[in-house]
Amino acid sequence: MLKLIDRMNEFVGRVVSVVAVIFAAIIIYDVFMRYALNDPTRWAFDVTKQLYGFYFVMLGGYALRHQAHVRVDLITETLGHHARRWVEAAGYVIFFFPFAWVFTTRSYEFAMRSYAQGETTYGSVQLPVYPLKMAMALAAGLLLLQGVSEFLKLVLNRQEIPRDA
């Protein structure tokens, strides 16, 4: 189960990383059109804003898998390996799981409400908002699953599973 969750977030992270190239290309295109041809696009800002939101939110599980989230380890750095594992596990139970559960359930409700209303942006180009909000709900679920994986690795004293496993 741990390998499956890790592989899933690894796959999502690698696929979503391509979105950065896409929104960078759109920004370059818009800058070129605006300053070289004096013909700015009406859609580029709204599209890149949504793509960046998608990119940012979808990489939460991937970042957790690679221990890339910000950590405050002033106390745990002085502890031994065994004590550090249990303090981190307690942190998951006390802080992470309640947050991740609320994030997952609320973002799902948020996405379904947006979809039911057919919500769109209010900029110069009206783009649908619900796909981004659905991605947020999916990302919250992936983050929660990766938290389960990381918690179980701590409790079971499993070393990091290789990426290509």
Protein backbone atom coordinates (compact mmCIF):
# COMPACT_ATOMS: atom_id res chain seq x y z
CA MET A 1 0.00 0.00 0.00
CA LEU A 2 2.84 2.39 0.83
CA LYS A 3 4.50 1.81 -2.53
CA LEU A 4 1.21 2.39 -4.35
CA ILE A 5 0.56 5.71 -2.61
CA ASP A 6 4.17 6.83 -3.14
CA ARG A 7 4.09 5.85 -6.82
CA MET A 8 0.78 7.63 -7.35
CA ASN A 9 2.06 10.92 -5.91
CA GLU A 10 5.35 10.51 -7.76
CA PHE A 11 3.45 10.06 -11.04
CA VAL A 12 1.17 13.04 -10.37
CA GLY A 13 4.17 15.19 -9.46
CA ARG A 14 6.03 14.34 -12.64
CA VAL A 15 2.99 14.88 -14.86
CA VAL A 16 1.98 18.13 -13.19
CA SER A 17 5.52 19.50 -13.43
CA VAL A 18 4.91 19.85 -17.17
CA VAL A 19 2.26 22.47 -16.37
CA ALA A 20 5.06 24.83 -15.27
CA VAL A 21 6.50 24.73 -18.77
CA ILE A 22 3.06 25.41 -20.25
CA PHE A 23 2.29 28.43 -18.10
CA ALA A 24 5.82 29.79 -18.60
CA ALA A 25 5.33 29.50 -22.38
CA ILE A 26 2.00 31.34 -22.15
CA ILE A 27 3.61 34.13 -20.10
CA ILE A 28 6.45 34.47 -22.61
CA TYR A 29 3.92 34.54 -25.45
CA ASP A 30 1.87 37.22 -23.68
CA VAL A 31 4.95 39.36 -22.96
CA PHE A 32 6.04 39.07 -26.59
CA MET A 33 2.57 40.00 -27.86
CA ARG A 34 2.28 42.89 -25.41
CA TYR A 35 5.70 44.51 -25.85
CA ALA A 36 6.92 43.42 -29.28
CA LEU A 37 3.64 43.58 -31.21
CA ASN A 38 1.70 45.95 -28.92
CA ASP A 39 -1.20 43.48 -29.00
CA PRO A 40 -1.73 42.02 -25.51
CA THR A 41 -3.83 38.92 -25.08
CA ARG A 42 -7.07 39.08 -23.14
CA TRP A 43 -6.88 35.51 -21.87
CA ALA A 44 -3.25 34.85 -20.87
CA PHE A 45 -3.39 36.30 -17.36
CA ASP A 46 -6.52 34.35 -16.39
CA VAL A 47 -5.25 31.11 -17.91
CA THR A 48 -1.80 31.34 -16.30
CA LYS A 49 -3.35 32.21 -12.94
CA GLN A 50 -5.49 29.06 -13.07
CA LEU A 51 -2.63 26.90 -14.34
CA TYR A 52 -0.39 28.13 -11.53
CA GLY A 53 -3.11 27.40 -8.98
CA PHE A 54 -3.46 23.89 -10.41
CA TYR A 55 0.32 23.40 -10.39
CA PHE A 56 0.72 24.68 -6.83
CA VAL A 57 -2.09 22.68 -5.26
CA MET A 58 -1.49 19.40 -7.09
CA LEU A 59 2.11 19.11 -5.90
CA GLY A 60 1.31 18.94 -2.18
CA GLY A 61 1.39 15.14 -1.97
CA TYR A 62 4.53 15.00 -4.11
CA ALA A 63 6.24 17.54 -1.86
CA LEU A 64 5.27 15.59 1.26
CA ARG A 65 6.60 12.38 -0.29
CA HIS A 66 9.97 14.09 -0.80
CA GLN A 67 9.92 15.83 2.62
CA ALA A 68 9.95 19.21 0.84
CA HIS A 69 7.42 20.99 3.07
CA VAL A 70 8.72 23.55 5.55
CA ARG A 71 9.58 21.98 8.89
CA VAL A 72 10.36 23.51 12.24
CA ASP A 73 12.64 20.94 13.81
CA LEU A 74 14.22 22.90 16.65
CA ILE A 75 13.18 20.21 19.14
CA THR A 76 13.33 17.08 17.01
CA GLU A 77 16.86 17.70 15.73
CA THR A 78 18.20 17.10 19.25
CA LEU A 79 16.31 13.81 19.66
CA GLY A 80 17.52 10.36 18.78
CA HIS A 81 16.10 8.49 15.79
CA HIS A 82 13.53 6.51 17.80
CA ALA A 83 12.20 9.53 19.73
CA ARG A 84 12.15 11.69 16.59
CA ARG A 85 10.03 9.09 14.76
CA TRP A 86 7.43 9.08 17.54
CA VAL A 87 7.32 12.86 17.87
CA GLU A 88 6.81 13.16 14.10
CA ALA A 89 4.12 10.46 14.19
CA ALA A 90 2.34 12.35 16.98
CA GLY A 91 2.57 15.50 14.85
CA TYR A 92 0.76 13.71 12.05
CA VAL A 93 -2.02 12.60 14.41
CA ILE A 94 -2.41 15.93 16.20
CA PHE A 95 -1.86 18.42 13.37
CA PHE A 96 -1.67 16.87 9.91
CA PHE A 97 -4.60 14.44 9.83
CA PRO A 98 -7.20 16.88 11.21
CA PHE A 99 -6.03 19.56 8.75
CA ALA A 100 -5.90 17.17 5.80
CA TRP A 101 -9.34 15.75 6.59
CA VAL A 102 -10.93 19.21 6.79
CA PHE A 103 -9.06 20.31 3.64
CA THR A 104 -10.27 17.23 1.75
CA THR A 105 -13.91 17.35 2.82
CA ARG A 106 -14.31 21.13 2.53
CA SER A 107 -12.56 21.37 -0.82
CA TYR A 108 -14.80 18.60 -2.15
CA GLU A 109 -17.90 20.50 -1.00
CA PHE A 110 -16.41 23.70 -2.45
CA ALA A 111 -15.81 22.00 -5.82
CA MET A 112 -19.26 20.43 -6.02
CA ARG A 113 -20.94 23.75 -5.22
CA SER A 114 -18.85 25.47 -7.91
CA TYR A 115 -19.74 22.77 -10.45
CA ALA A 116 -23.48 22.94 -9.61
CA GLN A 117 -23.43 26.72 -10.07
CA GLY A 118 -21.37 26.62 -13.27
CA GLU A 119 -19.00 29.12 -11.66
CA THR A 120 -16.74 31.12 -13.98
CA THR A 121 -14.09 33.78 -13.53
CA TYR A 122 -15.13 37.40 -13.78
CA GLY A 123 -12.13 38.63 -15.78
CA SER A 124 -12.03 39.64 -19.41
CA VAL A 125 -12.42 35.98 -20.38
CA GLN A 126 -14.87 33.92 -18.37
CA LEU A 127 -13.19 30.59 -17.67
CA PRO A 128 -14.84 27.82 -15.68
CA VAL A 129 -13.58 27.74 -12.10
CA TYR A 130 -14.84 24.31 -11.04
CA PRO A 131 -12.05 22.31 -12.76
CA LEU A 132 -9.50 24.09 -10.57
CA LYS A 133 -11.64 23.54 -7.49
CA MET A 134 -12.03 19.86 -8.37
CA ALA A 135 -8.26 19.64 -8.71
CA MET A 136 -7.98 21.15 -5.24
CA ALA A 137 -10.23 18.39 -3.84
CA LEU A 138 -8.20 15.72 -5.65
CA ALA A 139 -4.95 17.27 -4.42
CA ALA A 140 -6.27 17.30 -0.85
CA GLY A 141 -7.07 13.60 -1.14
CA LEU A 142 -3.61 12.85 -2.52
CA LEU A 143 -2.03 14.84 0.29
CA LEU A 144 -4.08 12.94 2.87
CA LEU A 145 -3.06 9.59 1.34
CA GLN A 146 0.60 10.60 1.28
CA GLY A 147 0.28 11.61 4.93
CA VAL A 148 -1.03 8.12 5.71
CA SER A 149 1.97 6.66 3.88
CA GLU A 150 4.46 8.87 5.73
CA PHE A 151 2.79 8.16 9.08
CA LEU A 152 2.90 4.40 8.50
CA LYS A 153 6.57 4.61 7.48
CA LEU A 154 7.30 6.31 10.81
CA VAL A 155 5.26 3.88 12.90
CA LEU A 156 6.55 0.78 11.10
CA ASN A 157 10.11 2.16 11.02
CA ARG A 158 10.30 1.76 7.26
CA GLN A 159 13.09 3.46 5.45
CA GLU A 160 12.29 5.63 2.45
CA ILE A 161 11.02 3.49 -0.40
CA PRO A 162 13.14 4.10 -3.53
CA ARG A 163 11.43 6.21 -6.20
CA ASP A 164 11.83 3.53 -8.87
CA ALA A 165 10.48 0.75 -6.66
